[in-house]
């Protein structure tokens, strides 16, 4: 980079080919990821409060509440991806839609890694508790009929786990597409008139009599 001084002000001129102009702006990525997770968590908290208020201390109500919370978690994840992706793209000024879409994808990736870590921590505790309860039930009920009931409950639990895994995968896949698309839609491309004005201003700067100075 070279610095010159003219009669009016200091001008910094970048030599063409000195380095890549388009780089990943991690500030926009992290801002989008924080927005993603914050919106999703806030909406899920609202859904949890509503489900807890409407739930009753019965087995059927507990299952229905758990299903409602899972559906709410999927919906809030997608909504958070939409808002976070749009925010990441909106924070980029003068970027192309493809460049903004790449930032939306990175926003989704960061949010996925953080969310996956917390979910695996919580799931490990749930699986440990479920295995312990199943072992206690099998030890207390040694009759053939009781063992059949335990096996049936285990099959149902495996079916629920498989359904939850596939729905989690589909939800985050849709969230990734939503974050990428919304980042591209939210990017602020400079108007042609402003680009032309900046080009004219740079031409005027280049035509000024310049005196080279040293930049510390």
N, C-alpha and C. Protein backbone atom coordinates (compact mmCIF):
# COMPACT_ATOMS: atom_id res chain seq x y z
N UNK A 1 0.85 -1.20 0.00
CA UNK A 1 0.00 0.00 0.00
C UNK A 1 0.88 1.24 0.00
N UNK A 2 0.52 2.23 -0.78
CA UNK A 2 1.26 3.47 -0.86
C UNK A 2 0.40 4.62 -0.38
N UNK A 3 1.05 5.60 0.29
CA UNK A 3 0.35 6.76 0.79
C UNK A 3 0.92 8.01 0.13
N UNK A 4 0.03 8.90 -0.28
CA UNK A 4 0.44 10.15 -0.90
C UNK A 4 -0.27 11.29 -0.20
N UNK A 5 0.34 12.46 -0.29
CA UNK A 5 -0.27 13.66 0.26
C UNK A 5 -0.41 14.69 -0.86
N UNK A 6 -1.58 15.29 -0.91
CA UNK A 6 -1.81 16.37 -1.86
C UNK A 6 -1.97 17.66 -1.09
N UNK A 7 -2.38 18.71 -1.79
CA UNK A 7 -2.54 20.00 -1.14
C UNK A 7 -3.72 20.02 -0.17
N UNK A 8 -4.69 19.13 -0.35
CA UNK A 8 -5.90 19.20 0.45
C UNK A 8 -5.95 18.15 1.56
N UNK A 9 -5.60 16.92 1.26
CA UNK A 9 -5.73 15.86 2.27
C UNK A 9 -4.83 14.70 1.91
N UNK A 10 -4.81 13.73 2.81
CA UNK A 10 -4.02 12.52 2.58
C UNK A 10 -4.85 11.51 1.83
N UNK A 11 -4.22 10.83 0.91
CA UNK A 11 -4.91 9.85 0.07
C UNK A 11 -4.17 8.53 0.18
N UNK A 12 -4.91 7.46 0.39
CA UNK A 12 -4.34 6.13 0.44
C UNK A 12 -4.76 5.40 -0.81
N UNK A 13 -3.80 4.92 -1.57
CA UNK A 13 -4.06 4.23 -2.83
C UNK A 13 -3.58 2.80 -2.70
N UNK A 14 -4.43 1.85 -3.00
CA UNK A 14 -4.07 0.44 -2.94
C UNK A 14 -3.60 -0.01 -4.30
N UNK A 15 -2.45 -0.63 -4.34
CA UNK A 15 -1.91 -1.10 -5.60
C UNK A 15 -2.73 -2.27 -6.12
N UNK A 16 -3.15 -2.25 -7.38
CA UNK A 16 -3.93 -3.37 -7.91
C UNK A 16 -3.15 -4.67 -7.83
N UNK A 17 -3.86 -5.72 -7.45
CA UNK A 17 -3.26 -7.04 -7.35
C UNK A 17 -2.49 -7.27 -6.07
N UNK A 18 -2.61 -6.33 -5.09
CA UNK A 18 -1.85 -6.50 -3.85
C UNK A 18 -2.44 -7.58 -2.97
N UNK A 19 -3.70 -7.94 -3.13
CA UNK A 19 -4.31 -8.96 -2.30
C UNK A 19 -5.76 -9.10 -2.65
N UNK A 20 -6.43 -10.14 -2.12
CA UNK A 20 -7.84 -10.36 -2.40
C UNK A 20 -8.71 -9.29 -1.76
N UNK A 21 -9.69 -8.82 -2.50
CA UNK A 21 -10.60 -7.80 -1.99
C UNK A 21 -11.71 -8.43 -1.18
N UNK A 22 -12.25 -9.55 -1.63
CA UNK A 22 -13.37 -10.22 -0.96
C UNK A 22 -12.84 -11.22 0.04
N UNK A 23 -13.08 -10.96 1.30
CA UNK A 23 -12.69 -11.85 2.38
C UNK A 23 -13.88 -12.11 3.28
N UNK A 24 -13.81 -13.21 4.01
CA UNK A 24 -14.89 -13.53 4.94
C UNK A 24 -14.89 -12.51 6.07
N UNK A 25 -16.02 -11.93 6.31
CA UNK A 25 -16.18 -10.95 7.39
C UNK A 25 -16.80 -11.69 8.58
N UNK A 26 -15.94 -12.12 9.49
CA UNK A 26 -16.41 -12.94 10.60
C UNK A 26 -17.29 -12.17 11.56
N UNK A 27 -17.18 -10.85 11.57
CA UNK A 27 -18.09 -10.06 12.40
C UNK A 27 -19.53 -10.25 11.97
N UNK A 28 -19.76 -10.23 10.65
CA UNK A 28 -21.12 -10.45 10.14
C UNK A 28 -21.58 -11.88 10.40
N UNK A 29 -20.66 -12.83 10.26
CA UNK A 29 -21.02 -14.24 10.50
C UNK A 29 -21.42 -14.46 11.96
N UNK A 30 -20.61 -13.96 12.88
CA UNK A 30 -20.90 -14.14 14.30
C UNK A 30 -22.15 -13.38 14.71
N UNK A 31 -22.35 -12.19 14.15
CA UNK A 31 -23.56 -11.44 14.46
C UNK A 31 -24.80 -12.19 13.98
N UNK A 32 -24.73 -12.76 12.78
CA UNK A 32 -25.85 -13.54 12.28
C UNK A 32 -26.11 -14.78 13.11
N UNK A 33 -25.04 -15.47 13.54
CA UNK A 33 -25.20 -16.68 14.35
C UNK A 33 -25.80 -16.36 15.72
N UNK A 34 -25.35 -15.27 16.33
CA UNK A 34 -25.92 -14.87 17.63
C UNK A 34 -27.39 -14.51 17.47
N UNK A 35 -27.72 -13.80 16.39
CA UNK A 35 -29.12 -13.47 16.14
C UNK A 35 -29.94 -14.73 15.90
N UNK A 36 -29.39 -15.65 15.13
CA UNK A 36 -30.03 -16.94 14.85
C UNK A 36 -30.41 -17.64 16.16
N UNK A 37 -29.42 -17.87 17.03
CA UNK A 37 -29.64 -18.62 18.26
C UNK A 37 -30.52 -17.85 19.24
N UNK A 38 -30.36 -16.53 19.29
CA UNK A 38 -31.15 -15.73 20.24
C UNK A 38 -32.63 -15.76 19.88
N UNK A 39 -32.94 -15.56 18.60
CA UNK A 39 -34.34 -15.57 18.17
C UNK A 39 -34.96 -16.95 18.38
N UNK A 40 -34.21 -18.01 18.01
CA UNK A 40 -34.73 -19.37 18.18
C UNK A 40 -34.97 -19.70 19.65
N UNK A 41 -34.03 -19.32 20.51
CA UNK A 41 -34.17 -19.61 21.94
C UNK A 41 -35.31 -18.82 22.56
N UNK A 42 -35.46 -17.56 22.16
CA UNK A 42 -36.53 -16.73 22.70
C UNK A 42 -37.90 -17.28 22.31
N UNK A 43 -38.06 -17.64 21.05
CA UNK A 43 -39.34 -18.20 20.61
C UNK A 43 -39.62 -19.55 21.23
N UNK A 44 -38.58 -20.39 21.37
CA UNK A 44 -38.78 -21.68 22.01
C UNK A 44 -39.16 -21.52 23.48
N UNK A 45 -38.57 -20.53 24.16
CA UNK A 45 -38.96 -20.25 25.54
C UNK A 45 -40.43 -19.83 25.64
N UNK A 46 -40.88 -19.05 24.68
CA UNK A 46 -42.29 -18.67 24.66
C UNK A 46 -43.18 -19.90 24.46
N UNK A 47 -42.78 -20.78 23.52
CA UNK A 47 -43.55 -22.01 23.30
C UNK A 47 -43.54 -22.91 24.52
N UNK A 48 -42.39 -23.01 25.20
CA UNK A 48 -42.31 -23.83 26.41
C UNK A 48 -43.23 -23.30 27.50
N UNK A 49 -43.29 -21.97 27.63
CA UNK A 49 -44.17 -21.39 28.63
C UNK A 49 -45.64 -21.69 28.32
N UNK A 50 -46.02 -21.61 27.05
CA UNK A 50 -47.41 -21.88 26.68
C UNK A 50 -47.75 -23.35 26.89
N UNK A 51 -46.86 -24.25 26.49
CA UNK A 51 -47.11 -25.69 26.66
C UNK A 51 -47.16 -26.06 28.14
N UNK A 52 -46.28 -25.50 28.93
CA UNK A 52 -46.29 -25.79 30.36
C UNK A 52 -47.57 -25.30 31.03
N UNK A 53 -48.09 -24.18 30.57
CA UNK A 53 -49.33 -23.65 31.14
C UNK A 53 -50.53 -24.52 30.79
N UNK A 54 -50.51 -25.11 29.57
CA UNK A 54 -51.65 -25.90 29.12
C UNK A 54 -51.54 -27.37 29.48
N UNK A 55 -50.37 -27.83 29.97
CA UNK A 55 -50.17 -29.26 30.25
C UNK A 55 -50.85 -29.66 31.55
N UNK A 56 -51.15 -30.97 31.66
CA UNK A 56 -51.76 -31.55 32.85
C UNK A 56 -50.88 -32.73 33.31
N UNK A 57 -50.91 -33.05 34.61
CA UNK A 57 -50.06 -34.14 35.13
C UNK A 57 -50.58 -35.52 34.78
N UNK A 58 -50.71 -35.81 33.52
CA UNK A 58 -51.12 -37.13 33.06
C UNK A 58 -50.14 -37.63 32.01
N UNK A 59 -50.15 -38.94 31.77
CA UNK A 59 -49.21 -39.52 30.81
C UNK A 59 -49.49 -39.03 29.39
N UNK A 60 -50.77 -38.98 29.02
CA UNK A 60 -51.13 -38.53 27.67
C UNK A 60 -50.76 -37.06 27.47
N UNK A 61 -51.00 -36.24 28.49
CA UNK A 61 -50.67 -34.82 28.39
C UNK A 61 -49.16 -34.61 28.30
N UNK A 62 -48.39 -35.44 28.99
CA UNK A 62 -46.93 -35.32 28.92
C UNK A 62 -46.42 -35.65 27.53
N UNK A 63 -46.96 -36.73 26.93
CA UNK A 63 -46.53 -37.07 25.56
C UNK A 63 -46.91 -35.97 24.58
N UNK A 64 -48.14 -35.46 24.70
CA UNK A 64 -48.57 -34.39 23.80
C UNK A 64 -47.73 -33.14 23.99
N UNK A 65 -47.39 -32.83 25.23
CA UNK A 65 -46.54 -31.66 25.49
C UNK A 65 -45.15 -31.82 24.92
N UNK A 66 -44.57 -33.03 25.05
CA UNK A 66 -43.25 -33.26 24.49
C UNK A 66 -43.27 -33.15 22.97
N UNK A 67 -44.32 -33.68 22.33
CA UNK A 67 -44.43 -33.56 20.88
C UNK A 67 -44.60 -32.10 20.45
N UNK A 68 -45.40 -31.35 21.21
CA UNK A 68 -45.60 -29.94 20.89
C UNK A 68 -44.31 -29.15 21.03
N UNK A 69 -43.52 -29.46 22.07
CA UNK A 69 -42.24 -28.77 22.25
C UNK A 69 -41.26 -29.12 21.14
N UNK A 70 -41.28 -30.37 20.67
CA UNK A 70 -40.38 -30.75 19.59
C UNK A 70 -40.75 -30.03 18.29
N UNK A 71 -42.05 -29.96 18.00
CA UNK A 71 -42.50 -29.23 16.81
C UNK A 71 -42.15 -27.75 16.94
N UNK A 72 -42.32 -27.21 18.14
CA UNK A 72 -41.98 -25.80 18.37
C UNK A 72 -40.48 -25.57 18.18
N UNK A 73 -39.65 -26.52 18.61
CA UNK A 73 -38.21 -26.38 18.44
C UNK A 73 -37.84 -26.37 16.95
N UNK A 74 -38.48 -27.22 16.16
CA UNK A 74 -38.19 -27.24 14.72
C UNK A 74 -38.61 -25.93 14.07
N UNK A 75 -39.79 -25.42 14.43
CA UNK A 75 -40.28 -24.18 13.82
C UNK A 75 -39.41 -22.99 14.22
N UNK A 76 -39.03 -22.92 15.49
CA UNK A 76 -38.22 -21.78 15.94
C UNK A 76 -36.82 -21.82 15.35
N UNK A 77 -36.29 -23.02 15.09
CA UNK A 77 -34.98 -23.12 14.44
C UNK A 77 -35.02 -22.52 13.04
N UNK A 78 -36.06 -22.82 12.30
CA UNK A 78 -36.18 -22.29 10.94
C UNK A 78 -36.39 -20.77 10.96
N UNK A 79 -37.23 -20.30 11.90
CA UNK A 79 -37.45 -18.85 12.00
C UNK A 79 -36.15 -18.14 12.40
N UNK A 80 -35.42 -18.72 13.35
CA UNK A 80 -34.14 -18.13 13.73
C UNK A 80 -33.15 -18.10 12.58
N UNK A 81 -33.16 -19.15 11.74
CA UNK A 81 -32.27 -19.16 10.57
C UNK A 81 -32.64 -18.07 9.59
N UNK A 82 -33.92 -17.84 9.40
CA UNK A 82 -34.36 -16.78 8.48
C UNK A 82 -33.89 -15.41 8.97
N UNK A 83 -34.11 -15.14 10.26
CA UNK A 83 -33.72 -13.83 10.80
C UNK A 83 -32.21 -13.68 10.85
N UNK A 84 -31.51 -14.72 11.32
CA UNK A 84 -30.05 -14.64 11.41
C UNK A 84 -29.38 -14.52 10.05
N UNK A 85 -29.87 -15.28 9.06
CA UNK A 85 -29.30 -15.17 7.72
C UNK A 85 -29.53 -13.80 7.11
N UNK A 86 -30.73 -13.27 7.29
CA UNK A 86 -31.01 -11.94 6.75
C UNK A 86 -30.12 -10.88 7.41
N UNK A 87 -29.92 -11.01 8.73
CA UNK A 87 -29.09 -10.04 9.44
C UNK A 87 -27.64 -10.13 8.98
N UNK A 88 -27.14 -11.35 8.76
CA UNK A 88 -25.77 -11.51 8.29
C UNK A 88 -25.59 -10.89 6.91
N UNK A 89 -26.56 -11.09 6.02
CA UNK A 89 -26.46 -10.49 4.69
C UNK A 89 -26.64 -8.99 4.72
N UNK A 90 -27.50 -8.51 5.62
CA UNK A 90 -27.77 -7.06 5.69
C UNK A 90 -26.57 -6.28 6.21
N UNK A 91 -25.74 -6.93 7.01
CA UNK A 91 -24.57 -6.24 7.57
C UNK A 91 -23.44 -6.10 6.56
N UNK A 92 -23.58 -6.71 5.38
CA UNK A 92 -22.57 -6.58 4.33
C UNK A 92 -23.00 -5.48 3.36
N UNK A 93 -22.18 -4.48 3.20
CA UNK A 93 -22.49 -3.36 2.32
C UNK A 93 -21.67 -3.49 1.05
N UNK A 94 -22.34 -3.47 -0.08
CA UNK A 94 -21.65 -3.53 -1.34
C UNK A 94 -21.22 -4.92 -1.76
N UNK A 95 -21.72 -5.95 -1.07
CA UNK A 95 -21.34 -7.33 -1.40
C UNK A 95 -22.30 -7.91 -2.42
N UNK A 96 -21.81 -8.80 -3.24
CA UNK A 96 -22.67 -9.48 -4.20
C UNK A 96 -23.56 -10.48 -3.46
N UNK A 97 -24.58 -10.94 -4.14
CA UNK A 97 -25.51 -11.88 -3.51
C UNK A 97 -24.84 -13.22 -3.21
N UNK A 98 -23.94 -13.64 -4.09
CA UNK A 98 -23.22 -14.88 -3.83
C UNK A 98 -22.31 -14.77 -2.61
N UNK A 99 -21.65 -13.63 -2.47
CA UNK A 99 -20.79 -13.39 -1.31
C UNK A 99 -21.61 -13.36 -0.04
N UNK A 100 -22.78 -12.72 -0.08
CA UNK A 100 -23.67 -12.68 1.09
C UNK A 100 -24.22 -14.07 1.40
N UNK A 101 -24.55 -14.85 0.37
CA UNK A 101 -25.06 -16.20 0.59
C UNK A 101 -24.01 -17.07 1.29
N UNK A 102 -22.74 -16.89 0.94
CA UNK A 102 -21.67 -17.63 1.61
C UNK A 102 -21.62 -17.27 3.10
N UNK A 103 -21.85 -16.01 3.43
CA UNK A 103 -21.88 -15.60 4.84
C UNK A 103 -23.10 -16.18 5.55
N UNK A 104 -24.22 -16.28 4.84
CA UNK A 104 -25.39 -16.92 5.43
C UNK A 104 -25.14 -18.38 5.74
N UNK A 105 -24.44 -19.06 4.83
CA UNK A 105 -24.11 -20.47 5.06
C UNK A 105 -23.17 -20.62 6.25
N UNK A 106 -22.18 -19.74 6.37
CA UNK A 106 -21.28 -19.79 7.52
C UNK A 106 -22.01 -19.48 8.81
N UNK A 107 -22.96 -18.56 8.76
CA UNK A 107 -23.79 -18.27 9.93
C UNK A 107 -24.53 -19.51 10.40
N UNK A 108 -25.12 -20.22 9.44
CA UNK A 108 -25.82 -21.46 9.77
C UNK A 108 -24.85 -22.50 10.34
N UNK A 109 -23.65 -22.59 9.78
CA UNK A 109 -22.68 -23.56 10.26
C UNK A 109 -22.25 -23.30 11.70
N UNK A 110 -22.00 -22.03 12.03
CA UNK A 110 -21.60 -21.69 13.40
C UNK A 110 -22.74 -21.99 14.37
N UNK A 111 -23.96 -21.62 14.01
CA UNK A 111 -25.11 -21.90 14.87
C UNK A 111 -25.33 -23.40 15.04
N UNK A 112 -25.11 -24.16 13.97
CA UNK A 112 -25.28 -25.61 14.04
C UNK A 112 -24.28 -26.23 15.01
N UNK A 113 -23.03 -25.82 14.94
CA UNK A 113 -22.01 -26.38 15.82
C UNK A 113 -22.31 -26.07 17.29
N UNK A 114 -22.70 -24.84 17.58
CA UNK A 114 -23.01 -24.46 18.96
C UNK A 114 -24.23 -25.21 19.46
N UNK A 115 -25.28 -25.25 18.65
CA UNK A 115 -26.50 -25.94 19.05
C UNK A 115 -26.28 -27.44 19.20
N UNK A 116 -25.49 -28.03 18.31
CA UNK A 116 -25.23 -29.47 18.37
C UNK A 116 -24.49 -29.83 19.66
N UNK A 117 -23.55 -28.98 20.06
CA UNK A 117 -22.83 -29.24 21.30
C UNK A 117 -23.76 -29.26 22.51
N UNK A 118 -24.64 -28.26 22.62
CA UNK A 118 -25.57 -28.21 23.74
C UNK A 118 -26.57 -29.37 23.68
N UNK A 119 -27.06 -29.70 22.50
CA UNK A 119 -28.03 -30.77 22.36
C UNK A 119 -27.44 -32.13 22.70
N UNK A 120 -26.19 -32.37 22.30
CA UNK A 120 -25.55 -33.63 22.65
C UNK A 120 -25.32 -33.74 24.15
N UNK A 121 -25.02 -32.64 24.79
CA UNK A 121 -24.85 -32.64 26.25
C UNK A 121 -26.17 -33.00 26.94
N UNK A 122 -27.26 -32.38 26.47
CA UNK A 122 -28.57 -32.66 27.07
C UNK A 122 -29.03 -34.08 26.73
N UNK A 123 -28.78 -34.53 25.49
CA UNK A 123 -29.23 -35.86 25.08
C UNK A 123 -28.49 -36.95 25.84
N UNK A 124 -27.23 -36.72 26.17
CA UNK A 124 -26.49 -37.72 26.92
C UNK A 124 -27.11 -37.94 28.30
N UNK A 125 -27.54 -36.86 28.93
CA UNK A 125 -28.21 -37.01 30.22
C UNK A 125 -29.54 -37.74 30.10
N UNK A 126 -30.30 -37.45 29.04
CA UNK A 126 -31.59 -38.11 28.87
C UNK A 126 -31.42 -39.60 28.59
N UNK A 127 -30.45 -39.94 27.74
CA UNK A 127 -30.21 -41.35 27.42
C UNK A 127 -29.75 -42.11 28.65
N UNK A 128 -28.89 -41.51 29.46
CA UNK A 128 -28.43 -42.16 30.68
C UNK A 128 -29.58 -42.43 31.63
N UNK A 129 -30.46 -41.44 31.78
CA UNK A 129 -31.61 -41.63 32.66
C UNK A 129 -32.56 -42.69 32.12
N UNK A 130 -32.78 -42.72 30.80
CA UNK A 130 -33.68 -43.71 30.21
C UNK A 130 -33.13 -45.12 30.36
N UNK A 131 -31.82 -45.30 30.15
CA UNK A 131 -31.21 -46.62 30.31
C UNK A 131 -31.29 -47.08 31.75
N UNK A 132 -31.07 -46.18 32.69
CA UNK A 132 -31.15 -46.53 34.10
C UNK A 132 -32.57 -46.94 34.48
N UNK A 133 -33.57 -46.21 34.00
CA UNK A 133 -34.96 -46.57 34.29
C UNK A 133 -35.33 -47.91 33.67
N UNK A 134 -34.86 -48.15 32.45
CA UNK A 134 -35.15 -49.44 31.80
C UNK A 134 -34.52 -50.60 32.56
N UNK A 135 -33.30 -50.40 33.05
CA UNK A 135 -32.64 -51.46 33.81
C UNK A 135 -33.35 -51.72 35.13
N UNK A 136 -33.80 -50.65 35.80
CA UNK A 136 -34.54 -50.82 37.05
C UNK A 136 -35.87 -51.54 36.81
N UNK A 137 -36.55 -51.19 35.73
CA UNK A 137 -37.83 -51.84 35.41
C UNK A 137 -37.63 -53.31 35.10
N UNK A 138 -36.57 -53.64 34.36
CA UNK A 138 -36.29 -55.04 34.02
C UNK A 138 -35.93 -55.84 35.26
N UNK A 139 -35.24 -55.22 36.23
CA UNK A 139 -34.87 -55.93 37.44
C UNK A 139 -36.07 -56.17 38.35
N UNK A 140 -36.97 -55.21 38.39
CA UNK A 140 -38.14 -55.34 39.26
C UNK A 140 -39.20 -56.25 38.66
N UNK A 141 -39.32 -56.30 37.36
CA UNK A 141 -40.35 -57.10 36.69
C UNK A 141 -39.66 -58.23 35.94
N UNK A 142 -39.61 -59.36 36.55
CA UNK A 142 -38.95 -60.52 35.93
C UNK A 142 -39.92 -61.50 35.30
N UNK A 143 -41.20 -61.23 35.38
CA UNK A 143 -42.18 -62.13 34.77
C UNK A 143 -42.17 -61.98 33.26
N UNK A 144 -42.60 -63.04 32.51
CA UNK A 144 -42.60 -62.95 31.04
C UNK A 144 -43.46 -61.80 30.50
N UNK A 145 -44.62 -61.59 31.13
CA UNK A 145 -45.48 -60.50 30.67
C UNK A 145 -44.86 -59.14 30.88
N UNK A 146 -44.19 -58.97 32.02
CA UNK A 146 -43.54 -57.68 32.29
C UNK A 146 -42.37 -57.47 31.34
N UNK A 147 -41.61 -58.52 31.06
CA UNK A 147 -40.51 -58.39 30.11
C UNK A 147 -40.99 -58.03 28.71
N UNK A 148 -42.17 -58.58 28.33
CA UNK A 148 -42.74 -58.22 27.03
C UNK A 148 -43.12 -56.75 26.98
N UNK A 149 -43.66 -56.24 28.09
CA UNK A 149 -44.02 -54.81 28.14
C UNK A 149 -42.77 -53.93 28.05
N UNK A 150 -41.72 -54.36 28.73
CA UNK A 150 -40.48 -53.57 28.67
C UNK A 150 -39.92 -53.56 27.26
N UNK A 151 -39.95 -54.72 26.57
CA UNK A 151 -39.47 -54.78 25.19
C UNK A 151 -40.30 -53.91 24.27
N UNK A 152 -41.62 -53.88 24.50
CA UNK A 152 -42.49 -53.03 23.69
C UNK A 152 -42.18 -51.56 23.92
N UNK A 153 -41.94 -51.19 25.16
CA UNK A 153 -41.59 -49.79 25.45
C UNK A 153 -40.25 -49.42 24.82
N UNK A 154 -39.32 -50.35 24.81
CA UNK A 154 -38.03 -50.08 24.18
C UNK A 154 -38.16 -49.88 22.68
N UNK A 155 -39.03 -50.68 22.04
CA UNK A 155 -39.26 -50.50 20.60
C UNK A 155 -39.89 -49.15 20.32
N UNK A 156 -40.85 -48.76 21.14
CA UNK A 156 -41.48 -47.45 20.97
C UNK A 156 -40.45 -46.33 21.15
N UNK A 157 -39.58 -46.49 22.14
CA UNK A 157 -38.55 -45.47 22.38
C UNK A 157 -37.60 -45.37 21.19
N UNK A 158 -37.24 -46.52 20.60
CA UNK A 158 -36.35 -46.49 19.43
C UNK A 158 -37.04 -45.82 18.24
N UNK A 159 -38.34 -46.08 18.08
CA UNK A 159 -39.07 -45.43 16.99
C UNK A 159 -39.12 -43.92 17.18
N UNK A 160 -39.36 -43.49 18.41
CA UNK A 160 -39.37 -42.05 18.69
C UNK A 160 -37.99 -41.44 18.44
N UNK A 161 -36.95 -42.17 18.83
CA UNK A 161 -35.59 -41.65 18.64
C UNK A 161 -35.25 -41.53 17.15
N UNK A 162 -35.67 -42.52 16.36
CA UNK A 162 -35.42 -42.47 14.92
C UNK A 162 -36.17 -41.31 14.28
N UNK A 163 -37.45 -41.13 14.67
CA UNK A 163 -38.22 -40.01 14.14
C UNK A 163 -37.64 -38.67 14.53
N UNK A 164 -37.18 -38.55 15.78
CA UNK A 164 -36.58 -37.30 16.23
C UNK A 164 -35.28 -37.01 15.47
N UNK A 165 -34.48 -38.06 15.20
CA UNK A 165 -33.22 -37.86 14.49
C UNK A 165 -33.45 -37.37 13.07
N UNK A 166 -34.39 -38.01 12.35
CA UNK A 166 -34.67 -37.59 10.98
C UNK A 166 -35.29 -36.20 10.93
N UNK A 167 -36.17 -35.90 11.87
CA UNK A 167 -36.77 -34.56 11.87
C UNK A 167 -35.74 -33.50 12.23
N UNK A 168 -34.80 -33.82 13.11
CA UNK A 168 -33.72 -32.87 13.43
C UNK A 168 -32.88 -32.61 12.19
N UNK A 169 -32.53 -33.67 11.46
CA UNK A 169 -31.73 -33.52 10.25
C UNK A 169 -32.46 -32.66 9.22
N UNK A 170 -33.74 -32.95 8.99
CA UNK A 170 -34.51 -32.19 8.00
C UNK A 170 -34.66 -30.73 8.42
N UNK A 171 -34.87 -30.50 9.72
CA UNK A 171 -35.04 -29.12 10.20
C UNK A 171 -33.80 -28.29 9.96
N UNK A 172 -32.63 -28.82 10.29
CA UNK A 172 -31.41 -28.06 10.11
C UNK A 172 -31.03 -27.93 8.64
N UNK A 173 -31.43 -28.91 7.83
CA UNK A 173 -31.18 -28.78 6.39
C UNK A 173 -32.01 -27.63 5.82
N UNK A 174 -33.27 -27.56 6.20
CA UNK A 174 -34.13 -26.46 5.76
C UNK A 174 -33.61 -25.13 6.32
N UNK A 175 -33.14 -25.15 7.57
CA UNK A 175 -32.61 -23.93 8.18
C UNK A 175 -31.39 -23.43 7.44
N UNK A 176 -30.53 -24.34 6.98
CA UNK A 176 -29.36 -23.94 6.21
C UNK A 176 -29.74 -23.28 4.90
N UNK A 177 -30.72 -23.88 4.21
CA UNK A 177 -31.17 -23.28 2.95
C UNK A 177 -31.81 -21.92 3.19
N UNK A 178 -32.58 -21.80 4.29
CA UNK A 178 -33.24 -20.53 4.60
C UNK A 178 -32.23 -19.45 4.95
N UNK A 179 -31.21 -19.79 5.76
CA UNK A 179 -30.20 -18.80 6.13
C UNK A 179 -29.41 -18.33 4.91
N UNK A 180 -29.07 -19.26 4.03
CA UNK A 180 -28.32 -18.90 2.83
C UNK A 180 -29.13 -18.00 1.91
N UNK A 181 -30.40 -18.37 1.69
CA UNK A 181 -31.26 -17.59 0.80
C UNK A 181 -31.55 -16.20 1.37
N UNK A 182 -31.81 -16.12 2.68
CA UNK A 182 -32.13 -14.83 3.27
C UNK A 182 -30.92 -13.92 3.34
N UNK A 183 -29.72 -14.49 3.50
CA UNK A 183 -28.52 -13.65 3.47
C UNK A 183 -28.34 -13.03 2.09
N UNK A 184 -28.59 -13.83 1.04
CA UNK A 184 -28.50 -13.29 -0.32
C UNK A 184 -29.57 -12.22 -0.55
N UNK A 185 -30.76 -12.45 -0.02
CA UNK A 185 -31.84 -11.47 -0.20
C UNK A 185 -31.61 -10.19 0.59
N UNK A 186 -30.91 -10.30 1.73
CA UNK A 186 -30.69 -9.12 2.57
C UNK A 186 -29.45 -8.33 2.24
N UNK A 187 -28.63 -8.81 1.31
CA UNK A 187 -27.40 -8.09 0.98
C UNK A 187 -27.72 -6.74 0.35
N UNK A 188 -26.94 -5.74 0.73
CA UNK A 188 -27.15 -4.38 0.23
C UNK A 188 -26.12 -4.08 -0.86
N UNK A 189 -26.53 -4.23 -2.09
CA UNK A 189 -25.66 -3.92 -3.22
C UNK A 189 -25.70 -2.42 -3.47
N UNK A 190 -24.54 -1.82 -3.66
CA UNK A 190 -24.49 -0.38 -3.87
C UNK A 190 -25.19 0.00 -5.17
N UNK A 191 -25.97 1.07 -5.16
CA UNK A 191 -26.62 1.52 -6.41
C UNK A 191 -25.58 1.90 -7.45
N UNK A 192 -25.97 1.77 -8.71
CA UNK A 192 -25.06 2.10 -9.80
C UNK A 192 -24.65 3.58 -9.76
N UNK A 193 -25.57 4.45 -9.35
CA UNK A 193 -25.24 5.87 -9.29
C UNK A 193 -24.15 6.14 -8.27
N UNK A 194 -24.21 5.44 -7.10
CA UNK A 194 -23.18 5.64 -6.08
C UNK A 194 -21.84 5.07 -6.52
N UNK A 195 -21.88 3.92 -7.18
CA UNK A 195 -20.65 3.34 -7.71
C UNK A 195 -20.01 4.28 -8.73
N UNK A 196 -20.84 4.91 -9.59
CA UNK A 196 -20.33 5.83 -10.59
C UNK A 196 -19.73 7.07 -9.92
N UNK A 197 -20.38 7.58 -8.87
CA UNK A 197 -19.86 8.74 -8.16
C UNK A 197 -18.51 8.43 -7.51
N UNK A 198 -18.39 7.24 -6.93
CA UNK A 198 -17.10 6.88 -6.32
C UNK A 198 -16.02 6.73 -7.37
N UNK A 199 -16.39 6.20 -8.52
CA UNK A 199 -15.40 6.06 -9.60
C UNK A 199 -14.92 7.42 -10.08
N UNK A 200 -15.84 8.36 -10.21
CA UNK A 200 -15.46 9.72 -10.63
C UNK A 200 -14.57 10.37 -9.59
N UNK A 201 -14.91 10.16 -8.28
CA UNK A 201 -14.11 10.75 -7.21
C UNK A 201 -12.69 10.17 -7.21
N UNK A 202 -12.56 8.88 -7.44
CA UNK A 202 -11.23 8.27 -7.48
C UNK A 202 -10.44 8.79 -8.68
N UNK A 203 -11.10 9.01 -9.81
CA UNK A 203 -10.41 9.57 -10.96
C UNK A 203 -9.88 10.97 -10.66
N UNK A 204 -10.69 11.78 -9.95
CA UNK A 204 -10.24 13.11 -9.58
C UNK A 204 -9.05 13.05 -8.64
N UNK A 205 -9.07 12.08 -7.70
CA UNK A 205 -7.95 11.95 -6.76
C UNK A 205 -6.67 11.57 -7.49
N UNK A 206 -6.79 10.68 -8.47
CA UNK A 206 -5.60 10.25 -9.21
C UNK A 206 -5.00 11.38 -10.04
N UNK A 207 -5.82 12.35 -10.45
CA UNK A 207 -5.33 13.44 -11.28
C UNK A 207 -4.70 14.56 -10.46
N UNK A 208 -4.79 14.51 -9.13
CA UNK A 208 -4.20 15.55 -8.31
C UNK A 208 -2.67 15.40 -8.29
N UNK A 209 -1.97 16.51 -8.13
CA UNK A 209 -0.50 16.41 -7.93
C UNK A 209 -0.19 15.81 -6.57
N UNK A 210 0.45 14.66 -6.56
CA UNK A 210 0.70 13.94 -5.32
C UNK A 210 2.19 13.91 -5.00
N UNK A 211 2.45 13.96 -3.71
CA UNK A 211 3.84 13.89 -3.23
C UNK A 211 3.98 12.66 -2.36
N UNK A 212 4.84 11.72 -2.69
CA UNK A 212 4.95 10.50 -1.87
C UNK A 212 5.53 10.79 -0.49
N UNK A 213 4.96 10.15 0.51
CA UNK A 213 5.45 10.24 1.89
C UNK A 213 5.58 8.82 2.43
N UNK A 214 6.16 8.71 3.56
CA UNK A 214 6.38 7.40 4.19
C UNK A 214 5.31 7.16 5.24
N UNK A 215 4.74 5.94 5.18
CA UNK A 215 3.74 5.53 6.18
C UNK A 215 4.43 4.71 7.23
N UNK A 216 4.34 5.07 8.53
CA UNK A 216 5.02 4.29 9.58
C UNK A 216 4.39 2.92 9.73
